[in-house]
Protein backbone atom coordinates (compact mmCIF):
# COMPACT_ATOMS: atom_id res chain seq x y z
CA UNK A 1 -17.78 3.38 10.35
CA UNK A 2 -15.83 0.67 11.31
CA UNK A 3 -11.89 0.10 9.76
CA UNK A 4 -10.49 -3.16 9.28
CA UNK A 5 -6.43 -3.16 8.87
CA UNK A 6 -5.32 -6.00 6.73
CA UNK A 7 -1.36 -6.78 6.68
CA UNK A 8 -0.51 -9.63 3.87
CA UNK A 9 2.56 -11.43 4.76
CA UNK A 10 3.94 -14.26 2.96
CA UNK A 11 7.00 -16.21 3.99
CA UNK A 12 8.38 -16.89 0.07
CA UNK A 13 9.86 -14.00 -1.29
CA UNK A 14 12.45 -14.09 -4.78
CA UNK A 15 14.31 -11.07 -3.36
CA UNK A 16 14.11 -11.74 0.07
CA UNK A 17 13.09 -15.38 1.76
CA UNK A 18 11.67 -15.04 4.94
CA UNK A 19 10.85 -11.27 4.83
CA UNK A 20 8.05 -10.91 7.59
CA UNK A 21 10.00 -12.46 10.23
CA UNK A 22 13.26 -10.69 9.68
CA UNK A 23 14.75 -9.12 13.25
CA UNK A 24 15.08 -5.35 12.97
CA UNK A 25 16.80 -4.68 16.07
CA UNK A 26 15.01 -6.91 18.62
CA UNK A 27 11.64 -7.30 16.60
CA UNK A 28 10.48 -8.75 13.81
CA UNK A 29 9.51 -7.27 10.56
CA UNK A 30 5.89 -8.07 10.90
CA UNK A 31 5.63 -7.44 14.79
CA UNK A 32 6.82 -3.87 13.79
CA UNK A 33 4.34 -3.12 11.15
CA UNK A 34 1.75 -4.48 13.30
CA UNK A 35 2.38 -2.42 16.26
CA UNK A 36 2.51 0.75 13.70
CA UNK A 37 -0.83 0.09 12.53
CA UNK A 38 -2.41 -0.34 16.19
CA UNK A 39 -1.25 2.91 16.51
CA UNK A 40 -3.72 4.01 13.80
CA UNK A 41 -6.71 6.06 15.44
CA UNK A 42 -9.02 5.05 12.61
CA UNK A 43 -8.69 1.08 12.67
CA UNK A 44 -10.94 -0.63 14.81
CA UNK A 45 -8.93 -3.83 13.70
CA UNK A 46 -5.98 -5.71 12.57
CA UNK A 47 -5.26 -8.82 10.85
CA UNK A 48 -2.04 -10.07 9.53
CA UNK A 49 -2.80 -12.52 6.81
CA UNK A 50 -0.71 -14.98 5.91
CA UNK A 51 -0.63 -18.52 4.16
CA UNK A 52 2.22 -19.24 6.18
CA UNK A 53 2.20 -21.37 9.36
CA UNK A 54 5.67 -19.96 10.54
CA UNK A 55 4.52 -16.35 10.33
CA UNK A 56 0.87 -17.48 11.79
CA UNK A 57 2.79 -19.02 15.21
CA UNK A 58 4.60 -15.83 15.04
CA UNK A 59 1.73 -13.42 14.48
CA UNK A 60 0.23 -15.98 17.41
CA UNK A 61 3.68 -15.95 20.01
CA UNK A 62 3.15 -11.66 20.61
CA UNK A 63 -0.18 -11.51 20.78
CA UNK A 64 -1.20 -10.52 17.29
CA UNK A 65 -4.38 -11.61 15.50
CA UNK A 66 -3.78 -13.38 12.50
CA UNK A 67 -5.74 -15.47 9.79
CA UNK A 68 -4.47 -18.13 7.47
CA UNK A 69 -5.62 -17.64 3.94
CA UNK A 70 -5.29 -19.26 0.65
CA UNK A 71 -2.00 -19.82 -0.95
CA UNK A 72 -3.63 -19.50 -4.22
CA UNK A 73 -3.82 -15.91 -4.18
CA UNK A 74 -2.62 -13.70 -6.95
CA UNK A 75 -1.72 -10.38 -4.91
CA UNK A 76 -1.45 -9.56 -1.55
CA UNK A 77 -5.61 -7.51 -2.32
CA UNK A 78 -6.66 -10.61 -2.71
CA UNK A 79 -5.57 -12.18 0.50
CA UNK A 80 -7.19 -9.22 2.04
CA UNK A 81 -10.47 -9.67 0.47
CA UNK A 82 -10.61 -13.21 2.04
CA UNK A 83 -9.99 -11.71 5.45
CA UNK A 84 -12.96 -8.58 4.65
CA UNK A 85 -15.24 -11.80 3.39
CA UNK A 86 -15.20 -12.85 7.31
CA UNK A 87 -15.80 -9.53 9.01
CA UNK A 88 -18.68 -8.08 6.51
CA UNK A 89 -19.49 -5.94 9.63
CA UNK A 90 -16.52 -3.77 8.69
CA UNK A 91 -17.27 -0.98 5.76
CA UNK A 92 -13.89 -0.08 5.36
CA UNK A 93 -10.81 -2.06 4.06
CA UNK A 94 -6.88 -1.03 4.91
CA UNK A 95 -4.91 -3.08 2.52
CA UNK A 96 -1.07 -2.47 4.67
CA UNK A 97 2.40 -3.84 3.10
CA UNK A 98 3.85 -5.69 5.36
CA UNK A 99 7.55 -4.43 4.66
CA UNK A 100 6.80 -1.37 5.69
CA UNK A 101 8.12 -1.40 9.15
CA UNK A 102 8.20 2.21 9.71
CA UNK A 103 5.02 3.32 8.27
CA UNK A 104 3.25 6.14 9.85
CA UNK A 105 -0.35 5.81 11.86
CA UNK A 106 -1.06 9.08 10.31
CA UNK A 107 -1.01 8.29 6.77
CA UNK A 108 -3.76 5.34 7.76
CA UNK A 109 -6.26 7.81 9.71
CA UNK A 110 -5.45 10.09 6.64
CA UNK A 111 -6.77 7.75 4.20
CA UNK A 112 -9.58 6.85 6.14
CA UNK A 113 -10.73 10.37 6.55
CA UNK A 114 -11.22 10.38 2.23
CA UNK A 115 -14.05 8.05 2.65
CA UNK A 116 -15.37 10.53 5.69
CA UNK A 117 -15.00 13.25 3.16
CA UNK A 118 -16.80 12.12 0.28
CA UNK A 119 -19.02 8.85 -0.10
CA UNK A 120 -18.07 8.51 -3.69
CA UNK A 121 -14.85 7.21 -2.89
CA UNK A 122 -14.49 3.58 -3.80
CA UNK A 123 -10.90 2.96 -2.97
CA UNK A 124 -8.55 5.49 -1.09
CA UNK A 125 -4.67 6.00 -1.83
CA UNK A 126 -1.96 8.19 -1.03
CA UNK A 127 0.27 10.26 -3.16
CA UNK A 128 3.57 12.70 -2.37
CA UNK A 129 5.30 15.56 -4.72
CA UNK A 130 8.23 14.45 -5.95
CA UNK A 131 11.51 17.04 -5.58
CA UNK A 132 14.20 15.26 -7.53
CA UNK A 133 14.79 14.66 -11.14
CA UNK A 134 16.58 11.00 -10.02
CA UNK A 135 13.23 9.84 -8.70
CA UNK A 136 10.93 11.68 -11.48
CA UNK A 137 13.32 9.61 -13.43
CA UNK A 138 12.95 6.34 -11.81
CA UNK A 139 10.81 3.70 -13.54
CA UNK A 140 10.82 1.97 -10.23
CA UNK A 141 8.91 4.80 -8.84
CA UNK A 142 5.29 4.83 -10.12
CA UNK A 143 3.64 8.08 -10.72
CA UNK A 144 0.24 9.35 -10.36
CA UNK A 145 -1.71 12.07 -12.23
CA UNK A 146 -5.45 13.28 -10.65
CA UNK A 147 -8.12 15.68 -11.22
CA UNK A 148 -9.41 18.71 -9.52
CA UNK A 149 -11.37 16.64 -7.21
CA UNK A 150 -7.94 14.68 -6.42
CA UNK A 151 -9.95 11.53 -8.15
CA UNK A 152 -6.73 9.74 -10.51
CA UNK A 153 -6.55 9.61 -13.97
CA UNK A 154 -3.67 7.33 -14.37
CA UNK A 155 -0.92 5.51 -12.60
CA UNK A 156 2.15 4.71 -14.54
CA UNK A 157 6.34 3.97 -14.19
CA UNK A 158 7.03 7.15 -16.86
CA UNK A 159 6.94 10.35 -16.08
CA UNK A 160 3.36 11.83 -16.17
CA UNK A 161 2.49 14.01 -17.57
CA UNK A 162 5.51 14.46 -20.34
CA UNK A 163 6.27 18.19 -20.11
CA UNK A 164 6.56 19.06 -24.27
CA UNK A 165 9.43 21.37 -25.46
CA UNK A 166 11.62 21.06 -22.49
CA UNK A 167 14.40 19.10 -21.32
CA UNK A 168 13.63 16.46 -18.16
CA UNK A 169 16.06 18.53 -16.11
CA UNK A 170 14.07 21.46 -16.19
CA UNK A 171 10.45 19.53 -15.96
CA UNK A 172 10.28 20.07 -12.13
CA UNK A 173 10.79 23.96 -12.07
CA UNK A 174 7.38 24.41 -14.08
CA UNK A 175 5.02 21.27 -12.95
CA UNK A 176 4.28 19.33 -9.83
CA UNK A 177 4.46 15.41 -10.06
CA UNK A 178 3.64 13.07 -7.50
CA UNK A 179 4.68 9.48 -6.58
CA UNK A 180 2.60 7.04 -5.43
CA UNK A 181 2.39 5.86 -2.12
CA UNK A 182 1.14 2.26 -2.11
CA UNK A 183 -1.31 2.36 0.86
CA UNK A 184 -4.98 1.34 -0.44
CA UNK A 185 -8.24 1.38 1.08
CA UNK A 186 -11.27 -0.04 -0.11
CA UNK A 187 -14.79 -0.16 0.86
CA UNK A 188 -15.70 -3.38 1.67
CA UNK A 189 -18.09 -4.59 -1.18
CA UNK A 190 -15.75 -2.86 -3.38
CA UNK A 191 -12.83 -4.89 -2.45
CA UNK A 192 -15.12 -7.99 -2.88
CA UNK A 193 -15.79 -7.39 -6.30
CA UNK A 194 -12.03 -6.13 -7.06
CA UNK A 195 -10.80 -9.56 -5.98
CA UNK A 196 -12.59 -10.96 -8.98
CA UNK A 197 -11.72 -8.72 -11.90
CA UNK A 198 -9.45 -10.44 -14.49
CA UNK A 199 -6.40 -8.77 -15.21
CA UNK A 200 -6.85 -5.38 -17.47
CA UNK A 201 -5.11 -4.69 -20.46
CA UNK A 202 -3.20 -2.05 -19.12
CA UNK A 203 -1.99 -3.31 -15.89
CA UNK A 204 -0.33 -6.17 -17.67
CA UNK A 205 1.27 -3.09 -19.57
CA UNK A 206 2.60 -1.26 -16.75
CA UNK A 207 2.47 -4.32 -14.07
CA UNK A 208 0.30 -1.88 -11.47
CA UNK A 209 -2.58 -4.27 -10.04
CA UNK A 210 -4.20 -0.28 -9.63
CA UNK A 211 -4.97 0.10 -13.35
CA UNK A 212 -7.26 -3.18 -13.11
CA UNK A 213 -9.46 -1.34 -10.71
CA UNK A 214 -9.27 2.44 -12.66
CA UNK A 215 -10.18 0.47 -16.07
CA UNK A 216 -13.17 -1.21 -14.47
CA UNK A 217 -14.59 2.13 -13.70
CA UNK A 218 -14.04 2.66 -9.78
CA UNK A 219 -13.11 6.01 -8.62
CA UNK A 220 -9.60 6.20 -6.58
CA UNK A 221 -9.34 8.95 -4.59
CA UNK A 222 -5.87 10.58 -4.06
CA UNK A 223 -4.74 11.89 -0.94
CA UNK A 224 -1.51 14.11 -0.28
CA UNK A 225 0.78 13.35 2.06
CA UNK A 226 4.59 14.50 3.49
CA UNK A 227 5.40 11.95 4.84
CA UNK A 228 7.55 9.28 2.99
CA UNK A 229 7.34 5.44 3.43
CA UNK A 230 10.40 3.08 3.65
CA UNK A 231 9.50 -0.23 1.65
CA UNK A 232 12.01 -3.52 2.57
CA UNK A 233 12.52 -5.33 -0.48
CA UNK A 234 15.87 -7.06 -0.31
CA UNK A 235 18.66 -7.81 2.69
CA UNK A 236 20.52 -4.43 1.33
CA UNK A 237 17.20 -2.38 1.92
CA UNK A 238 17.22 -3.57 5.73
CA UNK A 239 20.66 -3.15 5.94
CA UNK A 240 20.60 0.58 4.89
CA UNK A 241 17.68 1.55 6.56
CA UNK A 242 18.80 -0.54 10.10
CA UNK A 243 21.05 2.53 10.42
CA UNK A 244 18.41 5.00 10.56
CA UNK A 245 18.40 4.58 14.32
CA UNK A 246 15.20 7.60 14.38
CA UNK A 247 12.98 4.88 13.39
CA UNK A 248 13.71 1.95 15.47
């Protein structure tokens, strides 16, 4: 089973323009993500997918593989699908966030292992146990619930499940809750089909792309990790993470 890692990277961002090229203690963000991905044992190839010449030229400058993709894509998933369509010999495709310069390569390897464990897996992702009430109630932290086979039942910005007859301050004492870690791996043929799906009603309500795939009937396998992810969405996030020297 051959595996392709794709890192979508856009220059335009309403909250942080030029984010992939921002310098983090001597290396660009996209270079750091690329280097981390190359450390994953399960990836046979890593490609940056961009629609911007500046990012394309920069990736080439540090010896990375990069492909220019359409400017019309609605999401990083669509950008990954365009790259993956050029590589049908690679059966699994991992969509890796381009704004997580501290991603742990072990998370990528764990994700790919889910396909080895079951041929029924269409899409794989990760979840992590929630350990604070603040995270539990934060709508910016997506939650996931899954069945006994670790297949996702639903993703939501709301706290799920709702614990009846208990104050929310008591919920973590009586139930396990899980946040969704936003990294995905697809069978290549499934990714191509997902890229053609229209937006679903649940996706529109929650603004969560993965609900489109669930609503269309695809199996999303959830692996549990104890490793945290740390995305950089704003200049303030970058300032905060630059103080964490253990990651740099």
